[in-house]
Each structure stands twice: as structure tokens, then as C-alpha cells.
Protein backbone atom coordinates (compact mmCIF):
# COMPACT_ATOMS: atom_id res chain seq x y z
CA UNK A 1 33.33 -4.67 -6.68
CA UNK A 2 35.11 -1.85 -4.74
CA UNK A 3 32.27 0.72 -5.83
CA UNK A 4 29.55 -1.59 -4.61
CA UNK A 5 31.26 -2.19 -1.11
CA UNK A 6 31.23 1.60 -0.99
CA UNK A 7 27.71 2.10 -1.66
CA UNK A 8 26.68 -0.55 0.95
CA UNK A 9 28.40 1.72 3.41
CA UNK A 10 25.57 4.11 2.83
CA UNK A 11 22.83 2.08 3.08
CA UNK A 12 20.21 2.56 6.07
CA UNK A 13 18.27 -0.63 6.12
CA UNK A 14 18.32 -4.20 4.90
CA UNK A 15 16.01 -3.25 2.03
CA UNK A 16 18.59 -0.70 0.76
CA UNK A 17 21.30 -3.34 0.63
CA UNK A 18 19.15 -5.69 -1.39
CA UNK A 19 18.39 -2.92 -3.86
CA UNK A 20 22.51 -2.40 -4.17
CA UNK A 21 22.82 -6.21 -4.69
CA UNK A 22 20.11 -6.20 -7.18
CA UNK A 23 21.63 -3.26 -9.05
CA UNK A 24 25.05 -5.11 -9.07
CA UNK A 25 23.51 -8.49 -10.95
CA UNK A 26 20.61 -6.87 -13.03
CA UNK A 27 22.81 -6.55 -16.18
CA UNK A 28 22.73 -8.20 -19.71
CA UNK A 29 25.06 -10.94 -17.93
CA UNK A 30 22.28 -11.87 -15.43
CA UNK A 31 21.21 -15.00 -17.04
CA UNK A 32 24.71 -16.38 -16.90
CA UNK A 33 24.85 -15.39 -12.92
CA UNK A 34 21.63 -17.29 -12.56
CA UNK A 35 22.77 -20.30 -14.42
CA UNK A 36 25.79 -20.61 -12.31
CA UNK A 37 23.96 -19.88 -9.18
CA UNK A 38 21.77 -22.82 -10.00
CA UNK A 39 24.45 -25.30 -10.89
CA UNK A 40 26.23 -24.35 -7.34
CA UNK A 41 22.89 -24.97 -5.63
CA UNK A 42 22.31 -28.19 -7.20
CA UNK A 43 26.07 -29.18 -6.27
CA UNK A 44 25.69 -28.08 -2.59
CA UNK A 45 27.74 -25.09 -3.06
CA UNK A 46 26.15 -23.06 -0.68
CA UNK A 47 26.27 -25.43 2.30
CA UNK A 48 29.89 -24.25 3.04
CA UNK A 49 30.94 -22.70 5.99
CA UNK A 50 31.01 -19.30 4.41
CA UNK A 51 27.57 -19.24 3.43
CA UNK A 52 26.44 -20.76 6.76
CA UNK A 53 28.29 -17.72 8.62
CA UNK A 54 26.22 -15.35 6.53
CA UNK A 55 23.11 -17.11 7.22
CA UNK A 56 23.89 -16.99 10.85
CA UNK A 57 24.65 -13.17 10.50
CA UNK A 58 21.34 -12.51 8.88
CA UNK A 59 19.39 -14.60 11.57
CA UNK A 60 21.02 -12.48 14.33
CA UNK A 61 19.98 -9.20 12.44
CA UNK A 62 16.48 -10.45 11.94
CA UNK A 63 15.97 -11.64 15.64
CA UNK A 64 17.42 -8.15 16.67
CA UNK A 65 20.46 -9.76 18.39
CA UNK A 66 22.63 -7.16 16.46
CA UNK A 67 22.24 -3.69 15.17
CA UNK A 68 22.10 -2.83 11.66
CA UNK A 69 25.10 -1.15 11.80
CA UNK A 70 27.15 -4.00 13.29
CA UNK A 71 25.57 -6.25 10.58
CA UNK A 72 26.57 -4.08 7.82
CA UNK A 73 29.77 -3.72 8.97
CA UNK A 74 30.31 -7.66 9.23
CA UNK A 75 28.27 -8.41 6.06
CA UNK A 76 30.86 -5.83 3.99
CA UNK A 77 33.87 -7.80 5.74
CA UNK A 78 32.65 -11.13 4.54
CA UNK A 79 31.91 -9.59 1.03
CA UNK A 80 35.45 -8.93 0.86
CA UNK A 81 36.30 -12.56 0.86
CA UNK A 82 33.80 -13.34 -1.81
CA UNK A 83 33.30 -11.42 -4.95
CA UNK A 84 31.42 -13.60 -7.27
CA UNK A 85 27.87 -12.44 -8.65
CA UNK A 86 26.52 -15.67 -7.77
CA UNK A 87 26.81 -14.63 -4.10
CA UNK A 88 24.42 -11.63 -4.97
CA UNK A 89 21.82 -13.92 -6.69
CA UNK A 90 21.94 -16.21 -3.27
CA UNK A 91 21.46 -13.37 -1.18
CA UNK A 92 18.31 -12.08 -3.11
CA UNK A 93 16.85 -15.55 -3.16
CA UNK A 94 17.75 -16.14 0.46
CA UNK A 95 15.81 -13.07 1.61
CA UNK A 96 13.05 -14.16 -0.80
CA UNK A 97 12.42 -17.24 1.67
CA UNK A 98 12.99 -14.82 4.76
CA UNK A 99 10.17 -12.41 3.46
CA UNK A 100 7.56 -15.24 3.22
CA UNK A 101 7.22 -15.02 6.84
CA UNK A 102 8.42 -11.28 7.54
CA UNK A 103 6.01 -10.85 10.42
CA UNK A 104 7.88 -13.62 12.33
CA UNK A 105 11.14 -11.70 12.76
CA UNK A 106 11.35 -8.64 15.08
CA UNK A 107 13.64 -6.74 12.73
CA UNK A 108 11.09 -7.03 9.98
CA UNK A 109 7.92 -7.05 11.79
CA UNK A 110 5.68 -4.28 10.78
CA UNK A 111 5.12 -1.24 13.14
CA UNK A 112 1.60 -0.17 12.92
CA UNK A 113 1.03 3.42 12.56
CA UNK A 114 -1.91 3.34 14.95
CA UNK A 115 -2.66 0.85 17.45
CA UNK A 116 -6.26 0.55 16.76
CA UNK A 117 -5.65 0.59 12.99
CA UNK A 118 -3.14 -2.26 12.13
CA UNK A 119 -1.58 -0.53 8.85
CA UNK A 120 1.55 -2.07 7.54
CA UNK A 121 3.63 -0.85 4.97
CA UNK A 122 4.37 -3.19 1.86
CA UNK A 123 6.47 -0.58 -0.02
CA UNK A 124 8.40 0.91 -1.37
CA UNK A 125 10.80 -0.14 1.69
CA UNK A 126 14.07 1.12 0.54
CA UNK A 127 15.12 4.45 1.54
CA UNK A 128 16.60 5.84 -1.65
CA UNK A 129 14.17 5.68 -4.22
CA UNK A 130 15.72 7.32 -7.34
CA UNK A 131 16.26 4.12 -9.67
CA UNK A 132 14.47 1.16 -8.00
CA UNK A 133 11.52 0.48 -5.46
CA UNK A 134 11.26 -2.55 -3.12
CA UNK A 135 8.08 -4.22 -2.11
CA UNK A 136 6.69 -7.11 -0.16
CA UNK A 137 4.44 -9.04 -2.48
CA UNK A 138 1.34 -11.04 -1.78
CA UNK A 139 1.60 -14.66 -2.44
CA UNK A 140 -0.12 -14.25 -5.80
CA UNK A 141 1.42 -11.21 -6.60
CA UNK A 142 -0.18 -7.85 -6.74
CA UNK A 143 -1.69 -8.29 -10.27
CA UNK A 144 -4.13 -11.29 -9.06
CA UNK A 145 -5.32 -8.83 -6.23
CA UNK A 146 -6.03 -5.92 -8.19
CA UNK A 147 -6.23 -5.83 -12.16
CA UNK A 148 -5.96 -1.87 -11.71
CA UNK A 149 -2.50 -2.23 -10.53
CA UNK A 150 -1.43 -4.31 -13.53
CA UNK A 151 -2.86 -1.83 -16.04
CA UNK A 152 -1.17 1.36 -14.29
CA UNK A 153 2.13 0.52 -15.84
CA UNK A 154 0.68 -0.99 -18.93
CA UNK A 155 2.28 -4.44 -17.92
CA UNK A 156 2.26 -6.77 -14.91
CA UNK A 157 3.34 -4.84 -11.80
CA UNK A 158 7.01 -6.20 -12.12
CA UNK A 159 10.05 -5.61 -14.00
CA UNK A 160 10.86 -7.78 -16.71
CA UNK A 161 14.11 -8.74 -15.21
CA UNK A 162 15.58 -12.17 -15.17
CA UNK A 163 16.80 -11.56 -11.67
CA UNK A 164 13.13 -10.66 -10.28
CA UNK A 165 11.62 -13.66 -11.94
CA UNK A 166 13.74 -15.53 -8.82
CA UNK A 167 11.55 -13.80 -6.28
CA UNK A 168 8.10 -14.48 -5.14
CA UNK A 169 7.77 -12.79 -1.78
CA UNK A 170 8.95 -9.60 -2.76
CA UNK A 171 9.88 -7.53 -6.14
CA UNK A 172 12.01 -4.76 -7.22
CA UNK A 173 10.65 -2.27 -9.80
CA UNK A 174 12.24 0.35 -11.80
CA UNK A 175 11.24 3.93 -10.88
CA UNK A 176 9.86 6.09 -13.48
CA UNK A 177 10.19 9.79 -13.43
CA UNK A 178 7.03 10.27 -15.44
CA UNK A 179 4.67 8.78 -12.76
CA UNK A 180 4.20 8.96 -9.12
CA UNK A 181 5.71 6.10 -6.70
CA UNK A 182 3.10 3.67 -5.92
CA UNK A 183 2.66 3.21 -2.09
CA UNK A 184 1.12 -0.26 -0.88
CA UNK A 185 -0.23 -0.65 2.46
CA UNK A 186 -1.55 -3.75 4.14
CA UNK A 187 -4.57 -3.74 6.32
CA UNK A 188 -4.47 -6.43 9.11
CA UNK A 189 -7.80 -7.45 10.58
CA UNK A 190 -8.39 -10.71 12.21
CA UNK A 191 -12.12 -10.25 11.79
CA UNK A 192 -11.75 -11.07 8.03
CA UNK A 193 -9.43 -14.11 8.76
CA UNK A 194 -12.36 -15.36 11.10
CA UNK A 195 -15.05 -14.58 8.56
CA UNK A 196 -13.45 -16.61 6.20
CA UNK A 197 -12.43 -19.25 8.23
CA UNK A 198 -15.50 -21.28 7.54
CA UNK A 199 -15.60 -21.75 3.57
CA UNK A 200 -19.51 -21.54 3.98
CA UNK A 201 -19.46 -17.89 5.36
CA UNK A 202 -20.33 -14.87 3.22
CA UNK A 203 -19.22 -11.43 3.00
CA UNK A 204 -22.00 -8.85 3.06
CA UNK A 205 -21.68 -5.56 1.25
CA UNK A 206 -24.01 -2.96 1.40
CA UNK A 207 -23.92 -0.08 -1.43
CA UNK A 208 -25.82 3.15 -0.46
CA UNK A 209 -27.74 4.95 -2.80
CA UNK A 210 -28.24 8.60 -3.31
CA UNK A 211 -30.96 10.69 -1.66
CA UNK A 212 -33.18 12.01 -4.53
CA UNK A 213 -33.09 15.78 -2.93
CA UNK A 214 -29.97 17.74 -3.56
CA UNK A 215 -27.81 18.55 -0.66
CA UNK A 216 -25.34 20.87 -2.17
CA UNK A 217 -25.17 23.68 -4.62
CA UNK A 218 -23.19 23.75 -7.94
CA UNK A 219 -21.29 26.87 -8.25
CA UNK A 220 -20.08 27.88 -11.76
CA UNK A 221 -17.15 30.20 -12.60
CA UNK A 222 -15.90 30.96 -16.15
CA UNK A 223 -12.30 32.02 -17.40
CA UNK A 224 -10.90 32.63 -20.68
CA UNK A 225 -9.08 29.36 -20.71
CA UNK A 226 -11.57 27.04 -19.17
CA UNK A 227 -14.77 26.83 -17.36
CA UNK A 228 -15.03 25.46 -13.86
CA UNK A 229 -17.33 24.19 -11.14
CA UNK A 230 -17.19 23.29 -7.50
CA UNK A 231 -19.74 22.21 -5.06
CA UNK A 232 -20.78 23.57 -1.56
CA UNK A 233 -23.02 21.68 0.94
CA UNK A 234 -25.82 23.57 2.79
CA UNK A 235 -24.65 24.05 6.03
CA UNK A 236 -28.29 24.12 7.54
CA UNK A 237 -28.24 20.30 6.19
CA UNK A 238 -24.89 19.28 7.78
CA UNK A 239 -26.46 17.85 11.00
CA UNK A 240 -29.40 16.14 9.25
CA UNK A 241 -26.98 14.51 6.64
CA UNK A 242 -24.68 13.33 9.49
CA UNK A 243 -27.74 11.82 11.48
CA UNK A 244 -28.59 10.08 8.07
CA UNK A 245 -25.51 8.25 8.05
CA UNK A 246 -25.77 6.93 11.40
CA UNK A 247 -29.07 5.76 10.90
CA UNK A 248 -27.89 3.61 7.73
CA UNK A 249 -24.92 2.52 9.62
CA UNK A 250 -27.09 1.30 12.63
CA UNK A 251 -29.48 -0.48 10.08
CA UNK A 252 -26.92 -2.06 8.25
CA UNK A 253 -25.39 -3.41 11.47
CA UNK A 254 -28.58 -4.82 12.38
CA UNK A 255 -28.52 -6.77 9.15
CA UNK A 256 -25.03 -8.03 9.79
CA UNK A 257 -23.33 -6.21 6.80
CA UNK A 258 -19.46 -6.25 6.88
CA UNK A 259 -18.46 -3.67 4.33
CA UNK A 260 -20.59 -0.55 3.87
CA UNK A 261 -20.08 1.59 0.72
CA UNK A 262 -21.36 5.34 0.45
CA UNK A 263 -21.72 7.47 -2.56
CA UNK A 264 -19.23 9.96 -3.75
CA UNK A 265 -19.67 13.41 -2.66
CA UNK A 266 -22.09 12.85 -0.01
CA UNK A 267 -20.14 13.81 3.09
CA UNK A 268 -20.14 17.02 4.92
CA UNK A 269 -16.76 18.63 6.47
CA UNK A 270 -17.68 16.89 9.70
CA UNK A 271 -19.02 13.56 8.39
CA UNK A 272 -15.94 11.75 8.77
CA UNK A 273 -15.34 12.76 12.43
CA UNK A 274 -18.90 11.98 13.39
CA UNK A 275 -18.85 8.38 11.92
CA UNK A 276 -15.19 7.70 13.37
CA UNK A 277 -16.50 8.82 16.58
CA UNK A 278 -19.52 6.23 16.27
CA UNK A 279 -17.31 3.37 14.97
CA UNK A 280 -14.99 3.65 17.99
CA UNK A 281 -17.96 3.65 20.56
CA UNK A 282 -19.44 0.61 18.76
CA UNK A 283 -16.35 -1.59 19.36
CA UNK A 284 -16.61 -1.15 23.11
CA UNK A 285 -20.43 -0.76 23.48
CA UNK A 286 -21.97 -3.25 20.96
CA UNK A 287 -20.64 -6.81 21.21
CA UNK A 288 -22.87 -7.66 18.02
CA UNK A 289 -21.08 -5.14 16.16
CA UNK A 290 -20.42 -6.46 12.40
CA UNK A 291 -19.18 -3.62 10.37
CA UNK A 292 -15.53 -4.03 9.30
CA UNK A 293 -14.98 -1.46 6.73
CA UNK A 294 -16.80 1.84 5.62
CA UNK A 295 -15.89 3.39 2.38
CA UNK A 296 -17.19 6.98 2.91
CA UNK A 297 -17.21 8.24 -0.85
CA UNK A 298 -15.87 11.62 -1.06
CA UNK A 299 -15.86 15.27 0.41
CA UNK A 300 -15.49 18.35 -1.64
CA UNK A 301 -13.46 20.93 0.38
CA UNK A 302 -14.07 24.31 -1.72
CA UNK A 303 -11.39 26.26 0.64
CA UNK A 304 -8.45 23.79 -0.21
CA UNK A 305 -10.25 22.89 -3.43
CA UNK A 306 -9.79 18.94 -2.94
CA UNK A 307 -11.99 15.94 -3.28
CA UNK A 308 -10.84 13.28 -0.98
CA UNK A 309 -12.54 10.00 -0.37
CA UNK A 310 -11.86 8.11 2.94
CA UNK A 311 -11.79 4.26 3.83
CA UNK A 312 -12.32 3.86 7.61
CA UNK A 313 -11.66 0.98 9.71
CA UNK A 314 -14.33 -0.68 12.28
CA UNK A 315 -12.54 1.13 14.95
CA UNK A 316 -12.97 4.42 13.13
CA UNK A 317 -9.32 5.13 12.09
CA UNK A 318 -8.32 6.04 8.67
CA UNK A 319 -7.02 3.37 6.66
CA UNK A 320 -6.46 5.59 3.39
CA UNK A 321 -7.39 8.39 1.69
CA UNK A 322 -7.56 9.06 -1.85
CA UNK A 323 -7.18 12.58 -3.42
CA UNK A 324 -9.01 12.89 -6.54
CA UNK A 325 -6.54 14.37 -9.62
CA UNK A 326 -8.61 13.77 -12.79
CA UNK A 327 -11.76 16.28 -12.48
CA UNK A 328 -15.35 15.34 -13.48
CA UNK A 329 -16.57 17.44 -16.56
CA UNK A 330 -20.10 19.04 -15.65
CA UNK A 331 -22.42 19.66 -18.75
CA UNK A 332 -24.81 22.47 -17.83
CA UNK A 333 -28.07 21.87 -19.58
CA UNK A 334 -29.12 25.47 -19.86
CA UNK A 335 -25.99 27.13 -21.38
CA UNK A 336 -24.71 23.90 -22.87
CA UNK A 337 -21.28 24.63 -21.59
CA UNK A 338 -18.85 22.24 -20.06
CA UNK A 339 -17.33 23.07 -16.63
CA UNK A 340 -14.40 21.46 -15.22
CA UNK A 341 -14.01 20.05 -11.54
CA UNK A 342 -11.71 22.99 -9.95
CA UNK A 343 -9.17 20.59 -8.19
CA UNK A 344 -6.06 21.55 -6.74
CA UNK A 345 -3.16 19.41 -7.84
CA UNK A 346 -0.72 19.98 -5.27
């Protein structure tokens, strides 16, 4: 317990504390701790003055009545009086109840990156991420919202821990050295809430097809180890392509489309800027503007050797960008050779 208390002194936020508490009880004895916690809960043990004082201290932190530093010092002093592992389980479960409404608390309220783009961080929320990662969870869990996330780790997106089975509104995952950390964002948009307020409402999604004429050139190169290709857009066509984007968006807005999806590799280097500016203008000038999300496909940068797709909000702000890591294999019909997309993996 002394080592645990020393670790708490180095924590930088409440999520760090929860990680340390989790590590304390996530052992082979966790079923015993959970059983004792359950029995204590049934017998009203956690209604004592000690737990009421801890709950009050937590409320003061969440309401920003005390600083995190003051909270941590007082919290550690309380723990010196109570060394049971069942207390650790109580803390983890107590915060699960709090996280069900984390937007209601000043200390936990999401600070949006951009005033016009309400993008909140769902995790990882702890600062030291060598062993464990803490995430806020959607009510139904990540798996139900995105099957891809479930398949990323080969198992549902949660640790098969007895302790995390008690949690609903946040989860703690083991960090893996052989895979990148998964960053999860939440996009706050009242337009979608209004759209689905009526159960009879429908979401209109438009998928824009390719134009039949080639608007880029394929550049091939060969090396002893592997053959590569990259694409370069025709500079003389950039203005024409960007104008076509805006015409499509204007047409789809007239049809009250909510989400627009453009094809991959259709962007010029200036397309994102042009469309972002157009979207921002519509927010102020067009009271009938309906578009809520724009998937811009991807843009190839032959200098940096990147292929990046972008998702824009209705105000023209970037919600997320995805850097392509696994290259496409192009098969040249004339030579019958294979050429790999020349991507930088930095």
C-alpha cells in the first residue's frame, strides 16, 4: 500500500488516479475483492461517514471547488486510514456512475479544440500510457458503434478483466507495444440530435461517383527491391476540379442532403481549403443549409508522399484526418508488373 500511495503522488489528473487504483486490484485476487465489495454494498457498509467524506471530496473536485492538487493530498490522507482493496473497487465503480454524465461537471467537461468544431476527447485520458489506457465509453460500448474497432484487437474492445466488467461508462485497456494507441474522439453536433428527435426523420447520404476522365497522372518508378507508383494532379485542372466540388455540394444542399461522401484520390492540394471556406460561408449566409458532414476522400501529396483523407464539419472545420498506411498495389497492364503506392510511414 505504501508503494501505491507514492505512485498517487505523481498522478496529474483524476484518470491517472483511476489507473493506479485499477492496477492495485487487477490481480488474480480481483474476484475476491469484487465479492467482498458486493457483500459490503448489500450491507450498507459504504454509507459510513468515511465514504460520505470521500464522496464529498470528489464532488468538490468535480465542481471545481478545489484544485486537483488539493484533492490529491486530501485523498491520499484518507487512504492512509483505509487500506482495503474493496475501497479501490468502490472508487472505480463510483466514478463509473459519475462518468455517465461527465459533461455535467466543470472538472470533466470536454474542452473543445475549436470553438466552431465541438470535438471532444474520449481517450486515452490518462497521461502515463505505458501499461494502461482509459477511455470514456458510449453507453452501448465501442463495439456496437463500430465493428471495425472490435476486430482491431481480435477481441471486443475491452480487457477481459473481472474489474472492468463492473464498468459501463468507461473502460481501461492494456496498452500493447506491437500496436499504435487508439485515439477516440467525439463530435458534438446538435444538428444530428435535432434530426433524430423525430423518429420518422431520415438521414440523407449522398455518395459522389468518379468523373470518367483522368484528372491525374500515374508516375511509375522501379527499384531493385520493389516498384513504386505515385500520382500527380494536373495543375491546369485544379480550379476546374474545385469548382466541380462546389457545384456538387450546392446541388446536394438543394436536395437537403445531410452527409456527402466524395471518392478517394479526387482532391487537389487546394480542395480542402476551398470547401472549408465555402462551408463556413454557408453557415452565415444560408439559412436553409442542410449539409452536416463532408467526407473529402483523400489527397495525394507527392512531395511528402502521403495519402490523407479528411472529414469536415458543417462549419468547415477538420474533425479528423486519416493517414493511409497500407499502400494500394497498381498492376500495369502493359508491363504486367506490380507497383506499390509510394507512401511515407513516418
